[in-house]
C-alpha atoms as a PDB file:
ATOM      1  CA  VAL A   1       2.422   1.024  25.244  1.00  0.00           C
ATOM      2  CA  THR A   2       5.381   0.793  27.109  1.00  0.00           C
ATOM      3  CA  ASP A   3       7.493   3.020  29.068  1.00  0.00           C
ATOM      4  CA  HIS A   4       9.453   3.687  26.061  1.00  0.00           C
ATOM      5  CA  GLY A   5       6.462   4.491  23.903  1.00  0.00           C
ATOM      6  CA  PHE A   6       4.396   2.145  21.383  1.00  0.00           C
ATOM      7  CA  ARG A   7       5.509  -1.163  20.548  1.00  0.00           C
ATOM      8  CA  MET A   8       3.827  -2.669  17.621  1.00  0.00           C
ATOM      9  CA  ARG A   9       3.897  -5.760  15.429  1.00  0.00           C
ATOM     10  CA  LEU A  10       1.970  -6.075  12.004  1.00  0.00           C
ATOM     11  CA  SER A  11       0.074  -9.135  11.647  1.00  0.00           C
ATOM     12  CA  PRO A  12       1.701 -11.667   9.369  1.00  0.00           C
ATOM     13  CA  GLN A  13      -1.829 -11.731   7.843  1.00  0.00           C
ATOM     14  CA  VAL A  14      -1.669  -8.059   6.463  1.00  0.00           C
ATOM     15  CA  PRO A  15      -0.190  -9.104   3.092  1.00  0.00           C
ATOM     16  CA  GLU A  16      -2.978 -11.483   2.506  1.00  0.00           C
ATOM     17  CA  VAL A  17      -5.874  -8.962   3.398  1.00  0.00           C
ATOM     18  CA  LEU A  18      -3.764  -6.530   1.131  1.00  0.00           C
ATOM     19  CA  GLU A  19      -3.960  -8.801  -1.584  1.00  0.00           C
ATOM     20  CA  ARG A  20      -8.186  -9.274  -1.406  1.00  0.00           C
ATOM     21  CA  HIS A  21      -8.837  -5.534  -0.796  1.00  0.00           C
ATOM     22  CA  VAL A  22      -6.309  -3.248  -1.741  1.00  0.00           C
ATOM     23  CA  ALA A  23      -7.153  -2.777  -5.459  1.00  0.00           C
ATOM     24  CA  ASP A  24     -10.781  -2.545  -4.804  1.00  0.00           C
ATOM     25  CA  LEU A  25     -10.359  -0.174  -1.979  1.00  0.00           C
ATOM     26  CA  VAL A  26      -8.103   2.114  -3.851  1.00  0.00           C
ATOM     27  CA  THR A  27     -10.120   2.066  -7.265  1.00  0.00           C
ATOM     28  CA  THR A  28     -13.185   2.972  -5.352  1.00  0.00           C
ATOM     29  CA  LEU A  29     -11.678   5.779  -3.465  1.00  0.00           C
ATOM     30  CA  LEU A  30     -10.510   7.189  -6.819  1.00  0.00           C
ATOM     31  CA  ALA A  31     -13.739   6.700  -8.629  1.00  0.00           C
ATOM     32  CA  ALA A  32     -15.414   8.865  -5.520  1.00  0.00           C
ATOM     33  CA  HIS A  33     -13.590  11.721  -6.390  1.00  0.00           C
ATOM     34  CA  GLY A  34     -13.516  11.353 -10.205  1.00  0.00           C
ATOM     35  CA  HIS A  35     -10.440   9.776 -10.774  1.00  0.00           C
ATOM     36  CA  THR A  36      -8.563   6.393 -11.889  1.00  0.00           C
ATOM     37  CA  LEU A  37      -5.325   4.966 -10.979  1.00  0.00           C
ATOM     38  CA  ASP A  38      -3.753   6.440 -14.079  1.00  0.00           C
ATOM     39  CA  ASP A  39      -4.482   9.761 -12.857  1.00  0.00           C
ATOM     40  CA  VAL A  40      -2.183   9.459  -9.818  1.00  0.00           C
ATOM     41  CA  ASP A  41       1.220  10.892 -10.281  1.00  0.00           C
ATOM     42  CA  GLY A  42       3.061   9.593  -7.158  1.00  0.00           C
ATOM     43  CA  TRP A  43       2.718   7.085  -4.345  1.00  0.00           C
ATOM     44  CA  ALA A  44       3.613   6.742  -1.013  1.00  0.00           C
ATOM     45  CA  ILE A  45       2.959   3.130   0.143  1.00  0.00           C
ATOM     46  CA  HIS A  46       3.436   2.734   3.930  1.00  0.00           C
ATOM     47  CA  PRO A  47       6.585   0.258   4.236  1.00  0.00           C
ATOM     48  CA  GLY A  48       5.012  -2.269   6.580  1.00  0.00           C
ATOM     49  CA  GLY A  49       7.953  -4.506   4.780  1.00  0.00           C
ATOM     50  CA  ALA A  50       8.964  -5.482   1.340  1.00  0.00           C
ATOM     51  CA  ARG A  51       6.327  -7.889   1.161  1.00  0.00           C
ATOM     52  CA  ILE A  52       3.724  -5.299   1.748  1.00  0.00           C
ATOM     53  CA  LEU A  53       5.011  -3.251  -0.827  1.00  0.00           C
ATOM     54  CA  ARG A  54       5.321  -5.966  -3.468  1.00  0.00           C
ATOM     55  CA  VAL A  55       1.783  -6.824  -2.862  1.00  0.00           C
ATOM     56  CA  VAL A  56       0.450  -3.686  -3.114  1.00  0.00           C
ATOM     57  CA  ALA A  57       2.715  -2.886  -6.516  1.00  0.00           C
ATOM     58  CA  ASP A  58       1.236  -6.181  -7.826  1.00  0.00           C
ATOM     59  CA  GLN A  59      -2.331  -5.514  -7.218  1.00  0.00           C
ATOM     60  CA  LEU A  60      -2.089  -2.073  -8.405  1.00  0.00           C
ATOM     61  CA  GLN A  61      -0.038  -2.756 -11.235  1.00  0.00           C
ATOM     62  CA  LEU A  62       2.444   0.059 -10.358  1.00  0.00           C
ATOM     63  CA  SER A  63       6.071  -0.022 -11.782  1.00  0.00           C
ATOM     64  CA  GLU A  64       9.071  -0.276 -10.066  1.00  0.00           C
ATOM     65  CA  GLU A  65       9.759   3.581 -10.489  1.00  0.00           C
ATOM     66  CA  ALA A  66       6.552   4.163  -8.970  1.00  0.00           C
ATOM     67  CA  THR A  67       7.355   2.481  -5.687  1.00  0.00           C
ATOM     68  CA  ALA A  68      11.213   3.028  -5.594  1.00  0.00           C
ATOM     69  CA  PRO A  69      10.216   6.107  -3.200  1.00  0.00           C
ATOM     70  CA  SER A  70       8.494   3.752  -0.904  1.00  0.00           C
ATOM     71  CA  TYR A  71      11.355   1.243  -0.702  1.00  0.00           C
ATOM     72  CA  ASP A  72      13.745   4.011  -0.053  1.00  0.00           C
END
C-alpha cells in the first residue's frame, strides 16, 4: 500500500498455476451446483493479462467468442 493506493503485481507463476488447476476448480464448483461447463452462457475472466486469458480459455476449451468480452 502506497500513498497513492494499492500497488500490486501478479506473480509470473499465475499462468502455470491456472494451467494446472483452473479446469478442475471450475468443473468442481459447477458440479457442486448441478451444472457443467456447457451450462454457462457467458464468461467473465479477470484479465490479468493476455497469457492468463489464453490459459483459462485453453483449459476450459472456450471459444474466441466466449472470451471476447474478457479481452475487450
